[in-house]
Structure formats: structure tokens, C-alpha cells
C-alpha atoms as a PDB file:
ATOM      1  CA  UNK A   1       9.420  22.711  22.721  1.00  0.00           C
ATOM      2  CA  UNK A   2       6.767  19.865  20.907  1.00  0.00           C
ATOM      3  CA  UNK A   3       8.063  18.084  17.989  1.00  0.00           C
ATOM      4  CA  UNK A   4       5.725  16.017  16.636  1.00  0.00           C
ATOM      5  CA  UNK A   5       1.798  16.603  17.763  1.00  0.00           C
ATOM      6  CA  UNK A   6       0.087  13.647  15.686  1.00  0.00           C
ATOM      7  CA  UNK A   7      -0.152  12.573  12.016  1.00  0.00           C
ATOM      8  CA  UNK A   8      -1.433  15.003   9.589  1.00  0.00           C
ATOM      9  CA  UNK A   9      -1.564  12.486   6.306  1.00  0.00           C
ATOM     10  CA  UNK A  10       0.164   9.121   4.984  1.00  0.00           C
ATOM     11  CA  UNK A  11       0.944   9.011   1.286  1.00  0.00           C
ATOM     12  CA  UNK A  12       1.765   5.913  -0.789  1.00  0.00           C
ATOM     13  CA  UNK A  13       2.873   4.857  -4.161  1.00  0.00           C
ATOM     14  CA  UNK A  14       1.367   1.850  -6.358  1.00  0.00           C
ATOM     15  CA  UNK A  15       2.113   0.495  -9.618  1.00  0.00           C
ATOM     16  CA  UNK A  16      -1.668   1.384 -10.726  1.00  0.00           C
ATOM     17  CA  UNK A  17      -2.962   4.194  -8.308  1.00  0.00           C
ATOM     18  CA  UNK A  18      -6.181   4.276  -9.912  1.00  0.00           C
ATOM     19  CA  UNK A  19      -6.695   0.672  -9.566  1.00  0.00           C
ATOM     20  CA  UNK A  20      -5.326   0.653  -6.007  1.00  0.00           C
ATOM     21  CA  UNK A  21      -7.401   3.036  -4.969  1.00  0.00           C
ATOM     22  CA  UNK A  22     -10.441   1.469  -6.624  1.00  0.00           C
ATOM     23  CA  UNK A  23      -9.775  -1.136  -4.831  1.00  0.00           C
ATOM     24  CA  UNK A  24      -9.558   0.538  -1.175  1.00  0.00           C
ATOM     25  CA  UNK A  25     -13.006   2.762  -2.212  1.00  0.00           C
ATOM     26  CA  UNK A  26     -14.950  -0.977  -2.612  1.00  0.00           C
ATOM     27  CA  UNK A  27     -13.390  -3.022  -0.013  1.00  0.00           C
ATOM     28  CA  UNK A  28     -12.232  -0.669   2.585  1.00  0.00           C
ATOM     29  CA  UNK A  29     -14.977   2.119   2.068  1.00  0.00           C
ATOM     30  CA  UNK A  30     -12.706   5.103   1.826  1.00  0.00           C
ATOM     31  CA  UNK A  31     -14.402   7.912   0.198  1.00  0.00           C
ATOM     32  CA  UNK A  32     -11.372   8.412  -2.561  1.00  0.00           C
ATOM     33  CA  UNK A  33     -11.554  11.995  -4.225  1.00  0.00           C
ATOM     34  CA  UNK A  34     -10.476  12.843  -7.753  1.00  0.00           C
ATOM     35  CA  UNK A  35      -7.277  14.149  -6.436  1.00  0.00           C
ATOM     36  CA  UNK A  36      -6.102  10.263  -5.040  1.00  0.00           C
ATOM     37  CA  UNK A  37      -7.126  10.027  -1.527  1.00  0.00           C
ATOM     38  CA  UNK A  38      -9.178  11.429   1.124  1.00  0.00           C
ATOM     39  CA  UNK A  39      -8.911  13.687   4.401  1.00  0.00           C
ATOM     40  CA  UNK A  40     -10.107  12.074   7.565  1.00  0.00           C
ATOM     41  CA  UNK A  41     -11.840  14.369   9.826  1.00  0.00           C
ATOM     42  CA  UNK A  42     -11.236  14.232  13.534  1.00  0.00           C
ATOM     43  CA  UNK A  43     -14.013  13.729  15.842  1.00  0.00           C
ATOM     44  CA  UNK A  44     -14.108  13.639  19.647  1.00  0.00           C
ATOM     45  CA  UNK A  45     -15.770  10.294  21.230  1.00  0.00           C
ATOM     46  CA  UNK A  46     -19.792  11.537  20.677  1.00  0.00           C
ATOM     47  CA  UNK A  47     -18.802  12.087  16.936  1.00  0.00           C
ATOM     48  CA  UNK A  48     -18.267  15.764  17.100  1.00  0.00           C
ATOM     49  CA  UNK A  49     -15.711  17.625  14.735  1.00  0.00           C
ATOM     50  CA  UNK A  50     -12.293  18.727  16.696  1.00  0.00           C
ATOM     51  CA  UNK A  51     -10.317  20.813  14.176  1.00  0.00           C
ATOM     52  CA  UNK A  52      -8.407  18.470  12.477  1.00  0.00           C
ATOM     53  CA  UNK A  53      -7.683  15.992   9.659  1.00  0.00           C
ATOM     54  CA  UNK A  54      -5.875  13.579   8.927  1.00  0.00           C
ATOM     55  CA  UNK A  55      -4.831  13.211   4.752  1.00  0.00           C
ATOM     56  CA  UNK A  56      -4.838   9.410   3.474  1.00  0.00           C
ATOM     57  CA  UNK A  57      -3.522   9.464  -0.393  1.00  0.00           C
ATOM     58  CA  UNK A  58      -2.410   6.897  -3.212  1.00  0.00           C
ATOM     59  CA  UNK A  59      -0.537   8.552  -5.725  1.00  0.00           C
ATOM     60  CA  UNK A  60       1.643   7.030  -8.368  1.00  0.00           C
ATOM     61  CA  UNK A  61       5.113   5.594  -8.577  1.00  0.00           C
ATOM     62  CA  UNK A  62       6.793   8.482 -10.450  1.00  0.00           C
ATOM     63  CA  UNK A  63       5.608  11.239  -8.608  1.00  0.00           C
ATOM     64  CA  UNK A  64       8.006  13.648  -7.512  1.00  0.00           C
ATOM     65  CA  UNK A  65       6.641  14.279  -3.835  1.00  0.00           C
ATOM     66  CA  UNK A  66       8.993  11.542  -2.620  1.00  0.00           C
ATOM     67  CA  UNK A  67      12.075  12.842  -3.851  1.00  0.00           C
ATOM     68  CA  UNK A  68      14.802  12.380  -3.243  1.00  0.00           C
ATOM     69  CA  UNK A  69      13.646   9.269  -1.335  1.00  0.00           C
ATOM     70  CA  UNK A  70      12.843   6.112  -2.812  1.00  0.00           C
ATOM     71  CA  UNK A  71      10.457   4.638  -0.265  1.00  0.00           C
ATOM     72  CA  UNK A  72       6.975   4.226  -0.964  1.00  0.00           C
ATOM     73  CA  UNK A  73       5.433   5.946   1.399  1.00  0.00           C
ATOM     74  CA  UNK A  74       5.752   9.052   2.968  1.00  0.00           C
ATOM     75  CA  UNK A  75       3.996  10.324   6.693  1.00  0.00           C
ATOM     76  CA  UNK A  76       3.048  13.923   7.037  1.00  0.00           C
ATOM     77  CA  UNK A  77       3.495  14.773  10.894  1.00  0.00           C
ATOM     78  CA  UNK A  78       1.674  17.898  12.326  1.00  0.00           C
ATOM     79  CA  UNK A  79       4.012  20.373  14.444  1.00  0.00           C
ATOM     80  CA  UNK A  80       3.492  23.352  16.437  1.00  0.00           C
ATOM     81  CA  UNK A  81       6.594  25.657  15.415  1.00  0.00           C
ATOM     82  CA  UNK A  82       8.033  24.624  12.027  1.00  0.00           C
ATOM     83  CA  UNK A  83      10.526  26.482  12.061  1.00  0.00           C
ATOM     84  CA  UNK A  84      11.966  25.857  15.326  1.00  0.00           C
ATOM     85  CA  UNK A  85      11.673  22.829  14.578  1.00  0.00           C
ATOM     86  CA  UNK A  86      13.868  23.248  11.300  1.00  0.00           C
ATOM     87  CA  UNK A  87      16.478  24.731  13.721  1.00  0.00           C
ATOM     88  CA  UNK A  88      16.262  22.101  15.843  1.00  0.00           C
ATOM     89  CA  UNK A  89      17.071  19.755  13.823  1.00  0.00           C
ATOM     90  CA  UNK A  90      19.504  21.052  11.939  1.00  0.00           C
ATOM     91  CA  UNK A  91      21.604  21.673  14.848  1.00  0.00           C
ATOM     92  CA  UNK A  92      21.361  18.207  15.692  1.00  0.00           C
ATOM     93  CA  UNK A  93      22.806  17.494  12.486  1.00  0.00           C
ATOM     94  CA  UNK A  94      19.468  15.729  10.580  1.00  0.00           C
ATOM     95  CA  UNK A  95      18.923  15.890   6.897  1.00  0.00           C
ATOM     96  CA  UNK A  96      16.629  18.791   6.568  1.00  0.00           C
ATOM     97  CA  UNK A  97      15.979  19.237   2.644  1.00  0.00           C
ATOM     98  CA  UNK A  98      16.783  23.481   1.954  1.00  0.00           C
ATOM     99  CA  UNK A  99      12.840  24.216   0.821  1.00  0.00           C
ATOM    100  CA  UNK A 100       9.814  25.120   3.374  1.00  0.00           C
ATOM    101  CA  UNK A 101       6.840  25.919   1.885  1.00  0.00           C
ATOM    102  CA  UNK A 102       4.193  28.361   3.055  1.00  0.00           C
ATOM    103  CA  UNK A 103       0.952  28.299   1.446  1.00  0.00           C
ATOM    104  CA  UNK A 104      -2.954  28.560   2.530  1.00  0.00           C
ATOM    105  CA  UNK A 105      -2.656  24.680   3.795  1.00  0.00           C
ATOM    106  CA  UNK A 106       0.112  25.672   6.334  1.00  0.00           C
ATOM    107  CA  UNK A 107       4.041  25.269   6.363  1.00  0.00           C
ATOM    108  CA  UNK A 108       5.757  22.171   5.294  1.00  0.00           C
ATOM    109  CA  UNK A 109       9.312  21.539   5.105  1.00  0.00           C
ATOM    110  CA  UNK A 110      10.856  17.624   5.146  1.00  0.00           C
ATOM    111  CA  UNK A 111      13.879  16.095   6.067  1.00  0.00           C
ATOM    112  CA  UNK A 112      15.399  12.639   5.151  1.00  0.00           C
ATOM    113  CA  UNK A 113      15.822   9.863   8.251  1.00  0.00           C
ATOM    114  CA  UNK A 114      18.721   7.990   8.409  1.00  0.00           C
ATOM    115  CA  UNK A 115      17.482   5.575   6.017  1.00  0.00           C
ATOM    116  CA  UNK A 116      16.296   7.346   3.514  1.00  0.00           C
ATOM    117  CA  UNK A 117      12.869   7.863   4.112  1.00  0.00           C
ATOM    118  CA  UNK A 118      11.553  11.843   3.180  1.00  0.00           C
ATOM    119  CA  UNK A 119       9.636  12.647   6.189  1.00  0.00           C
ATOM    120  CA  UNK A 120       7.073  16.146   5.763  1.00  0.00           C
ATOM    121  CA  UNK A 121       6.558  18.278   9.096  1.00  0.00           C
ATOM    122  CA  UNK A 122       3.608  20.446   8.604  1.00  0.00           C
ATOM    123  CA  UNK A 123       2.446  23.090  10.783  1.00  0.00           C
ATOM    124  CA  UNK A 124      -1.796  23.486  10.056  1.00  0.00           C
ATOM    125  CA  UNK A 125      -2.941  27.409   9.450  1.00  0.00           C
ATOM    126  CA  UNK A 126      -4.198  28.424  12.715  1.00  0.00           C
ATOM    127  CA  UNK A 127      -8.111  26.713  14.033  1.00  0.00           C
ATOM    128  CA  UNK A 128      -6.729  23.654  12.252  1.00  0.00           C
END
């Protein structure tokens, strides 16, 4: 069974999210949207889209999406079979959070690594 197949997103906290978003937009050219981030579309070496994205987002320090971790970041990893991976991680004694979310954006689950960082696991919808 494949476990992680790629990075689906990178999320981090900021003391002043709007100011930091503006900095990334101005100086690095990241197309920061009103929701605080952007989705980078994947492409092949010729620049043709290949059907995937990586989300990048800056949020406020009080954002609940990072709880129960105190880390200033969270990485979202793409997986092929979320439910199977969650079962394996539980059997291996990992700290898997009870909630599994199934939405139009795909299936999501969370695990806490040994240093207390919250890790998001994401099974994209078919075709992504």
C-alpha cells in the first residue's frame, strides 16, 4: 500500500496574516487570494496541466485548523486510500485524531507526529 504520494498543501500561522500575505504577493509573486492563499496547479515539463494542485496558505495565529498542535505550520499530504492508511497508522500506535472528514474537496484525516505537529492526510476526489 502506498502511504504518502505527494504534498497537497502547506499552511502556516502568522502574527499579522494580511501583512505577511501581502509580502509574499509583492516580493515572491504568489497570487494570494482573499481566503489567504493560493492553489498552485501542477504541470509537466512542457507547462501542460497534469491534474493536481498544491495549496499554500497563511492564516492567523488563532486558527483552529492547527489544534491541538502548537506548531506554526501544518503540512497536508496526499494519499491514495485514506481509510486504509488511517487503519494502518492506528494499528502502528500512531496518534490519529478521531475525526475523518468527507467533503466535495476529498477525504481528510489528521495524525499527530511524535513532536506534537498536526499532519493532515488528504485523499483528493477522483481525477485530481
